[in-house]
Amino acid sequence: MTDLFEAEAASTTTLDMRRLQRQQRRATRRKWTLVLVAVGLVLVSIGGSMALGFVKDTLAGDENVVADYDGVGTGTVTVIVESGQSGADIAKTLYEAGVIASEQAFIEVANKPGSGANQIKPGHYFMARQMKAQYALLYLLDDDRRDVRKITIPEGNRVETYYQKIADLTGFEYADVEKAAADHAAIGLPPEANDNIEGWLFPATYQFNPGVTPTDVLSAMVAKTVQTLESYHVPRDQWLTTLTIASLVEREAKLDEDRPLISGVIHNRLAVGQALELDATVKYVVPSEGPFVTAEDKKVDSPYNTYMYVGLPPGPIAGAGAKSIEAAWTPAVHNYYFYVTVDLWTGETRYAETYPEHLKNVELLNQWYAEHGSSE
C-alpha cells in the first residue's frame, strides 16, 4: 500500500512538473511576443514619425519652389505695360496673359542686381506664352519687341510737311490733322505762340503706341519744344522771339558751326534797326525753286518780307532743331552784319563787317554759281 501511494505520489509530481514547465514556456512565449509587439510598435511609431517628417519636408520644399517655365515659349501674345506700373504690376500682367508661370518667378528675376528691370518702358510688347521669367524680362528690355509707331520730323520744314507725316503715321486724313492742330488747348500750345503753331512742332524722332492720334503726336511735339526752351533757360517772354530767330537760323545755316555766327548777325542787325534782308523769310510767303529769290519776290507786301520790313517776322517760319534754338538764345558775339554762303555744296559761309566786304564775298558766290549753277 505504502509503495503504491508512494508510486502514485511520484507519478503525480511528475505530471505537475510537466504542466508547470508547459505553463512557463507559454508564459515565456507570451512575454517575448509582447516584447516583439512592443518593439514593433515602437519601430512603426518611429517609422511613421520619420515618414511624416519626410512628407512635411517634401511639402515644405514644394512650397519653396517657385513655378517657372523653361524656354522662350510658343505663340504670340501682346502685353501692354502701362506708364507708372510697378514690377509687381508688370508681373501680374504677364501672368494673366499666360506669359509666365507665376508672378513670383518674374519678381525674383527682376529684383536681381543688374537685371535692368527699371529700364522697362511703357508700351505694347510682342511676347510668347509660357516663357521662362528670365526670357520674359529680356523681351521687355528689347525695343525690337515693342510694337511702336515711329515718326521722324526733319528740321527746317513748315507745318504742312509735318501734318502730312502725322497723317501718314496715324492713318488719319490730312484734314483731321489740321483740325487737331487747331485745337490749341488740346495740344498744349502755349499762349506765347499767339495762336500760331508754326515753329512749335519740334523736329525729332518720336515713338508712339498703336492707336496713336494726331492730337497725341502734336501734343508730344509741342511739349518737346517747350522742354527744349526750358532746357536752355529761355524766359517765357522770350520764347516766341527765340523760336523765330531759331527758325531763321535753321533755314539759313547749312553747317552747325555757322548757326551761332548767323544768329550773331541777326542780333547785330536787330540791335541797330537794320533790315534783316533774308531770302528765307521771303520764300515763306512766296515759295520758289532754287536758292535765291527774285527782285519781284522782294516786293511782296508781307510782314514776313524782311527786305521790306525792319525787325523780325511775326513768328517762326519753320521747325527749328535744338542747335538752332541754342544759337538763337546764345549767339556768337562779333561785329559782323553780313554773311553769304559762297559754296552751296559744302555750305562754306563768309562773314563781313561792312557792305563793301560783303560784296566781295557775294562775288565769290557768283563765281561758284557760274561754275556749278546748272547742277545746283
Protein backbone atom coordinates (compact mmCIF):
# COMPACT_ATOMS: atom_id res chain seq x y z
CA MET A 1 0.00 0.00 0.00
CA THR A 2 2.74 2.34 1.04
CA ASP A 3 4.69 1.64 -2.17
CA LEU A 4 1.53 2.14 -4.17
CA PHE A 5 0.76 5.60 -2.72
CA GLU A 6 4.41 6.33 -2.92
CA ALA A 7 4.24 5.36 -6.61
CA GLU A 8 1.13 7.43 -7.08
CA ALA A 9 2.81 10.40 -5.39
CA ALA A 10 5.82 10.17 -7.66
CA SER A 11 3.67 9.97 -10.74
CA THR A 12 1.56 12.97 -9.66
CA THR A 13 4.61 15.07 -9.02
CA THR A 14 5.97 14.32 -12.50
CA LEU A 15 2.72 15.37 -14.14
CA ASP A 16 2.63 18.59 -12.19
CA MET A 17 6.17 19.41 -13.20
CA ARG A 18 5.40 18.89 -16.82
CA ARG A 19 2.31 21.05 -16.55
CA LEU A 20 4.33 23.80 -14.84
CA GLN A 21 7.03 23.63 -17.44
CA ARG A 22 4.45 23.97 -20.19
CA GLN A 23 2.94 26.95 -18.43
CA GLN A 24 6.38 28.52 -18.04
CA ARG A 25 7.14 28.01 -21.73
CA ARG A 26 3.80 29.55 -22.71
CA ALA A 27 4.44 32.49 -20.38
CA THR A 28 7.89 32.95 -21.87
CA ARG A 29 6.46 32.89 -25.40
CA ARG A 30 3.79 35.42 -24.41
CA LYS A 31 6.43 37.62 -22.83
CA TRP A 32 8.59 37.63 -25.96
CA THR A 33 5.58 38.07 -28.13
CA LEU A 34 4.63 41.14 -26.10
CA VAL A 35 8.22 42.37 -26.27
CA LEU A 36 8.33 41.88 -30.01
CA VAL A 37 4.97 43.54 -30.46
CA ALA A 38 6.09 46.44 -28.33
CA VAL A 39 9.31 46.74 -30.29
CA GLY A 40 7.32 46.57 -33.49
CA LEU A 41 5.00 49.29 -32.32
CA VAL A 42 7.99 51.43 -31.40
CA LEU A 43 9.54 50.85 -34.79
CA VAL A 44 6.27 51.58 -36.54
CA SER A 45 5.90 54.72 -34.48
CA ILE A 46 9.41 55.82 -35.31
CA GLY A 47 8.97 54.94 -38.94
CA GLY A 48 5.69 56.80 -39.10
CA SER A 49 7.26 59.81 -37.49
CA MET A 50 10.13 59.72 -39.95
CA ALA A 51 7.74 59.27 -42.85
CA LEU A 52 5.59 62.13 -41.61
CA GLY A 53 8.67 64.27 -41.27
CA PHE A 54 9.73 63.34 -44.79
CA VAL A 55 6.31 64.25 -46.14
CA LYS A 56 6.37 67.52 -44.27
CA ASP A 57 9.83 68.27 -45.56
CA THR A 58 8.73 67.39 -49.06
CA LEU A 59 5.66 69.57 -48.82
CA ALA A 60 7.72 72.38 -47.37
CA GLY A 61 10.14 72.01 -50.26
CA ASP A 62 7.27 72.27 -52.75
CA GLU A 63 6.13 75.45 -51.06
CA ASN A 64 9.59 76.99 -51.61
CA VAL A 65 9.78 76.07 -55.29
CA VAL A 66 8.58 78.97 -57.48
CA ALA A 67 6.72 77.88 -60.58
CA ASP A 68 8.55 78.82 -63.77
CA TYR A 69 8.52 77.67 -67.38
CA ASP A 70 11.51 76.55 -69.42
CA GLY A 71 12.43 78.06 -72.76
CA VAL A 72 11.18 81.05 -74.73
CA GLY A 73 7.59 79.84 -75.03
CA THR A 74 5.34 79.48 -78.03
CA GLY A 75 2.89 81.55 -79.99
CA THR A 76 2.47 85.32 -79.79
CA VAL A 77 0.60 87.49 -77.33
CA THR A 78 0.63 91.28 -76.96
CA VAL A 79 1.31 92.59 -73.46
CA ILE A 80 0.71 96.22 -72.56
CA VAL A 81 2.97 97.83 -69.96
CA GLU A 82 1.27 100.95 -68.69
CA SER A 83 3.11 104.07 -67.60
CA GLY A 84 3.76 104.07 -63.86
CA GLN A 85 3.34 100.31 -63.37
CA SER A 86 5.49 98.72 -60.66
CA GLY A 87 7.42 95.50 -61.09
CA ALA A 88 4.64 93.62 -59.29
CA ASP A 89 2.07 95.17 -61.62
CA ILE A 90 4.04 94.04 -64.66
CA ALA A 91 4.41 90.54 -63.18
CA LYS A 92 0.65 90.35 -62.71
CA THR A 93 0.05 91.49 -66.28
CA LEU A 94 2.42 88.85 -67.62
CA TYR A 95 0.86 86.12 -65.50
CA GLU A 96 -2.68 86.98 -66.51
CA ALA A 97 -1.63 86.96 -70.16
CA GLY A 98 -0.24 83.44 -69.78
CA VAL A 99 3.33 84.54 -70.41
CA ILE A 100 4.87 83.40 -67.11
CA ALA A 101 4.06 80.53 -64.74
CA SER A 102 3.95 82.69 -61.61
CA GLU A 103 4.26 86.31 -60.64
CA GLN A 104 6.93 85.46 -58.06
CA ALA A 105 9.22 83.97 -60.72
CA PHE A 106 9.30 87.28 -62.59
CA ILE A 107 9.64 89.36 -59.42
CA GLU A 108 12.63 87.32 -58.27
CA VAL A 109 14.36 87.71 -61.63
CA ALA A 110 13.57 91.42 -61.82
CA ASN A 111 14.88 92.04 -58.30
CA LYS A 112 18.31 90.58 -59.02
CA PRO A 113 21.10 93.20 -59.06
CA GLY A 114 21.79 94.45 -62.57
CA SER A 115 18.63 92.91 -64.03
CA GLY A 116 17.78 96.17 -65.79
CA ALA A 117 14.10 95.82 -64.88
CA ASN A 118 13.97 99.52 -64.01
CA GLN A 119 14.63 100.24 -67.70
CA ILE A 120 11.36 98.70 -68.90
CA LYS A 121 9.44 101.26 -70.94
CA PRO A 122 5.68 101.60 -71.21
CA GLY A 123 4.32 100.20 -74.43
CA HIS A 124 2.93 97.24 -76.35
CA TYR A 125 5.22 94.19 -76.43
CA PHE A 126 5.18 91.07 -78.59
CA MET A 127 5.63 88.19 -76.14
CA ALA A 128 5.14 84.41 -76.20
CA ARG A 129 3.06 82.19 -73.95
CA GLN A 130 4.70 80.02 -71.28
CA MET A 131 8.03 81.82 -71.19
CA LYS A 132 10.75 81.41 -68.63
CA ALA A 133 10.64 84.53 -66.45
CA GLN A 134 14.22 85.43 -67.37
CA TYR A 135 13.35 85.45 -71.05
CA ALA A 136 10.18 87.45 -70.44
CA LEU A 137 12.29 90.16 -68.80
CA LEU A 138 14.74 90.17 -71.71
CA TYR A 139 11.85 90.63 -74.14
CA LEU A 140 10.60 93.63 -72.17
CA LEU A 141 14.06 95.19 -72.35
CA ASP A 142 14.30 94.72 -76.12
CA ASP A 143 12.99 97.70 -78.11
CA ASP A 144 12.66 95.45 -81.14
CA ARG A 145 9.92 93.59 -79.27
CA ARG A 146 7.87 96.76 -78.86
CA ASP A 147 5.01 97.46 -81.21
CA VAL A 148 5.71 101.12 -81.94
CA ARG A 149 4.65 103.76 -84.44
CA LYS A 150 7.74 105.80 -85.32
CA ILE A 151 7.86 109.20 -86.99
CA THR A 152 10.86 111.36 -87.88
CA ILE A 153 10.27 115.10 -88.23
CA PRO A 154 13.13 116.85 -90.07
CA GLU A 155 14.39 120.31 -89.18
CA GLY A 156 13.62 123.35 -91.29
CA ASN A 157 10.19 122.38 -92.65
CA ARG A 158 6.83 124.07 -92.41
CA VAL A 159 3.80 122.68 -90.60
CA GLU A 160 2.24 121.44 -93.85
CA THR A 161 5.06 118.92 -94.25
CA TYR A 162 4.68 117.82 -90.63
CA TYR A 163 0.91 117.47 -90.96
CA GLN A 164 1.30 115.08 -93.86
CA LYS A 165 3.80 112.95 -91.95
CA ILE A 166 1.43 112.81 -88.98
CA ALA A 167 -1.44 111.77 -91.26
CA ASP A 168 0.71 109.00 -92.75
CA LEU A 169 1.69 107.77 -89.29
CA THR A 170 -1.74 107.75 -87.71
CA GLY A 171 -3.84 106.76 -90.70
CA PHE A 172 -5.97 109.88 -90.33
CA GLU A 173 -6.75 112.29 -93.15
CA TYR A 174 -4.71 115.47 -93.61
CA ALA A 175 -7.80 117.49 -92.75
CA ASP A 176 -8.11 115.60 -89.46
CA VAL A 177 -4.57 116.62 -88.54
CA GLU A 178 -5.32 120.25 -89.38
CA LYS A 179 -8.41 120.10 -87.20
CA ALA A 180 -6.44 118.61 -84.31
CA ALA A 181 -3.75 121.29 -84.70
CA ALA A 182 -6.41 124.00 -84.50
CA ASP A 183 -7.41 122.85 -81.00
CA HIS A 184 -4.60 124.69 -79.26
CA ALA A 185 -5.79 123.81 -75.78
CA ALA A 186 -5.85 120.08 -76.56
CA ILE A 187 -2.30 120.03 -77.94
CA GLY A 188 -0.89 122.28 -75.22
CA LEU A 189 0.15 125.19 -77.44
CA PRO A 190 1.29 127.90 -75.00
CA PRO A 191 -0.19 131.42 -75.14
CA GLU A 192 3.26 132.74 -76.14
CA ALA A 193 2.66 131.25 -79.60
CA ASN A 194 -0.06 133.83 -80.29
CA ASP A 195 -2.25 131.06 -81.73
CA ASN A 196 0.30 130.28 -84.45
CA ILE A 197 1.57 126.71 -84.36
CA GLU A 198 4.33 127.29 -86.92
CA GLY A 199 7.71 126.69 -85.32
CA TRP A 200 6.24 124.99 -82.24
CA LEU A 201 6.39 121.43 -83.60
CA PHE A 202 9.82 120.24 -82.55
CA PRO A 203 11.69 118.24 -85.21
CA ALA A 204 12.84 114.90 -83.82
CA THR A 205 12.14 111.18 -83.95
CA TYR A 206 9.14 110.07 -81.90
CA GLN A 207 7.74 106.67 -80.97
CA PHE A 208 4.11 106.02 -80.13
CA ASN A 209 1.94 103.07 -79.19
CA PRO A 210 -0.61 101.61 -81.60
CA GLY A 211 -3.75 103.69 -81.83
CA VAL A 212 -1.88 107.00 -81.70
CA THR A 213 -3.93 110.01 -82.79
CA PRO A 214 -2.92 113.32 -84.41
CA THR A 215 -3.55 115.05 -81.09
CA ASP A 216 -1.11 112.67 -79.39
CA VAL A 217 1.63 113.45 -81.89
CA LEU A 218 1.06 117.20 -81.95
CA SER A 219 0.99 117.33 -78.16
CA ALA A 220 4.30 115.49 -77.93
CA MET A 221 5.94 117.82 -80.46
CA VAL A 222 4.74 120.99 -78.74
CA ALA A 223 5.79 119.62 -75.35
CA LYS A 224 9.26 118.86 -76.73
CA THR A 225 9.61 122.44 -77.97
CA VAL A 226 8.72 123.81 -74.54
CA GLN A 227 11.08 121.34 -72.88
CA THR A 228 13.94 122.44 -75.17
CA LEU A 229 13.34 126.13 -74.45
CA GLU A 230 13.32 125.42 -70.74
CA SER A 231 16.50 123.35 -71.00
CA TYR A 232 18.30 126.46 -72.29
CA HIS A 233 16.68 128.57 -69.55
CA VAL A 234 14.90 130.82 -72.03
CA PRO A 235 12.41 133.05 -70.15
CA ARG A 236 8.80 132.61 -71.24
CA ASP A 237 8.57 136.17 -72.51
CA GLN A 238 11.44 135.36 -74.89
CA TRP A 239 10.07 132.08 -76.21
CA LEU A 240 8.48 133.48 -79.36
CA THR A 241 11.46 135.71 -80.22
CA THR A 242 13.90 132.87 -79.67
CA LEU A 243 11.92 130.41 -81.79
CA THR A 244 11.54 132.98 -84.54
CA ILE A 245 15.28 133.67 -84.70
CA ALA A 246 15.97 129.94 -84.42
CA SER A 247 13.77 129.26 -87.45
CA LEU A 248 15.70 131.86 -89.47
CA VAL A 249 18.98 130.28 -88.44
CA GLU A 250 17.64 126.82 -89.33
CA ARG A 251 16.72 127.93 -92.84
CA GLU A 252 19.87 129.99 -93.45
CA ALA A 253 22.66 127.83 -91.98
CA LYS A 254 23.94 124.67 -93.61
CA LEU A 255 26.66 123.87 -91.06
CA ASP A 256 26.34 123.69 -87.30
CA GLU A 257 29.39 125.90 -86.87
CA ASP A 258 27.59 128.71 -88.70
CA ARG A 259 24.45 128.69 -86.56
CA PRO A 260 25.74 130.89 -83.70
CA LEU A 261 27.55 133.15 -86.21
CA ILE A 262 24.43 133.76 -88.31
CA SER A 263 22.44 134.27 -85.13
CA GLY A 264 25.01 136.90 -84.14
CA VAL A 265 24.46 138.73 -87.45
CA ILE A 266 20.69 138.72 -86.89
CA HIS A 267 21.08 140.05 -83.35
CA ASN A 268 23.50 142.74 -84.51
CA ARG A 269 21.10 143.95 -87.21
CA LEU A 270 18.15 143.96 -84.84
CA ALA A 271 20.15 145.96 -82.32
CA VAL A 272 20.80 148.81 -84.81
CA GLY A 273 17.44 148.66 -86.59
CA GLN A 274 18.86 147.29 -89.85
CA ALA A 275 16.59 145.20 -92.07
CA LEU A 276 17.43 141.51 -91.92
CA GLU A 277 17.01 141.02 -95.70
CA LEU A 278 16.74 137.25 -95.54
CA ASP A 279 15.69 135.24 -98.57
CA ALA A 280 14.26 132.55 -96.29
CA THR A 281 11.54 134.84 -94.97
CA VAL A 282 10.51 135.88 -98.48
CA LYS A 283 10.33 132.25 -99.56
CA TYR A 284 7.96 131.65 -96.66
CA VAL A 285 5.32 133.79 -98.37
CA VAL A 286 6.48 133.30 -101.97
CA PRO A 287 7.71 129.70 -102.26
CA SER A 288 10.00 129.14 -105.23
CA GLU A 289 12.58 126.67 -106.51
CA GLY A 290 16.29 127.32 -106.18
CA PRO A 291 18.39 129.03 -103.54
CA PHE A 292 17.57 132.64 -104.40
CA VAL A 293 14.60 135.00 -104.57
CA THR A 294 13.86 137.36 -107.43
CA ALA A 295 13.53 141.12 -107.40
CA GLU A 296 9.78 140.67 -107.83
CA ASP A 297 9.65 138.32 -104.83
CA LYS A 298 11.25 141.01 -102.70
CA LYS A 299 8.38 143.36 -103.47
CA VAL A 300 5.70 141.17 -101.87
CA ASP A 301 3.91 143.12 -99.15
CA SER A 302 4.05 140.84 -96.15
CA PRO A 303 5.29 141.23 -92.57
CA TYR A 304 7.43 138.20 -93.37
CA ASN A 305 9.29 140.14 -96.08
CA THR A 306 12.41 141.19 -94.19
CA TYR A 307 13.60 143.20 -97.20
CA MET A 308 10.57 145.44 -96.85
CA TYR A 309 10.02 145.44 -93.07
CA VAL A 310 12.61 146.00 -90.37
CA GLY A 311 12.72 143.61 -87.46
CA LEU A 312 11.69 140.02 -87.02
CA PRO A 313 8.76 138.46 -88.86
CA PRO A 314 5.60 137.86 -86.77
CA GLY A 315 6.64 134.32 -85.92
CA PRO A 316 8.77 131.35 -86.87
CA ILE A 317 8.99 130.23 -90.49
CA ALA A 318 9.98 126.60 -89.86
CA GLY A 319 10.64 123.98 -87.23
CA ALA A 320 13.99 124.63 -85.60
CA GLY A 321 16.18 121.99 -84.02
CA ALA A 322 17.92 122.20 -80.66
CA LYS A 323 21.19 123.57 -82.09
CA SER A 324 19.41 126.44 -83.82
CA ILE A 325 17.41 127.22 -80.67
CA GLU A 326 20.61 127.25 -78.66
CA ALA A 327 22.27 129.52 -81.24
CA ALA A 328 19.29 131.87 -81.21
CA TRP A 329 19.41 132.23 -77.45
CA THR A 330 23.22 132.37 -77.13
CA PRO A 331 24.51 133.93 -80.38
CA ALA A 332 28.19 134.37 -81.18
CA VAL A 333 29.47 137.79 -80.16
CA HIS A 334 31.13 139.55 -83.12
CA ASN A 335 30.91 142.65 -85.31
CA TYR A 336 29.56 141.01 -88.47
CA TYR A 337 26.48 142.45 -90.15
CA PHE A 338 26.65 140.42 -93.36
CA TYR A 339 27.07 136.84 -94.39
CA VAL A 340 26.74 134.84 -97.59
CA THR A 341 27.17 131.15 -98.40
CA VAL A 342 29.81 131.04 -101.12
CA ASP A 343 29.66 127.29 -101.80
CA LEU A 344 26.18 125.83 -101.92
CA TRP A 345 27.54 122.28 -101.89
CA THR A 346 29.83 122.47 -98.87
CA GLY A 347 27.92 125.23 -97.08
CA GLU A 348 31.02 127.40 -96.72
CA THR A 349 29.90 130.81 -95.48
CA ARG A 350 31.79 134.12 -95.40
CA TYR A 351 31.13 136.97 -92.96
CA ALA A 352 31.78 140.70 -93.25
CA GLU A 353 31.57 143.78 -91.06
CA THR A 354 30.98 146.21 -93.92
CA TYR A 355 28.92 146.18 -97.08
CA PRO A 356 31.93 146.53 -99.44
CA GLU A 357 33.49 143.48 -97.80
CA HIS A 358 30.21 141.68 -98.20
CA LEU A 359 30.09 142.47 -101.93
CA LYS A 360 33.46 140.79 -102.36
CA ASN A 361 32.05 137.67 -100.71
CA VAL A 362 28.98 137.83 -102.93
CA GLU A 363 31.30 137.82 -105.93
CA LEU A 364 32.74 134.54 -104.67
CA LEU A 365 29.23 133.12 -104.68
CA ASN A 366 28.62 134.41 -108.20
CA GLN A 367 31.79 132.73 -109.39
CA TRP A 368 30.81 129.46 -107.78
CA TYR A 369 27.32 129.65 -109.25
CA ALA A 370 28.69 130.39 -112.70
CA GLU A 371 30.61 127.13 -112.49
CA HIS A 372 28.08 124.94 -110.72
CA GLY A 373 24.74 126.69 -111.01
CA SER A 374 23.26 124.38 -113.60
CA SER A 375 23.92 121.32 -111.44
CA GLU A 376 22.67 123.14 -108.31
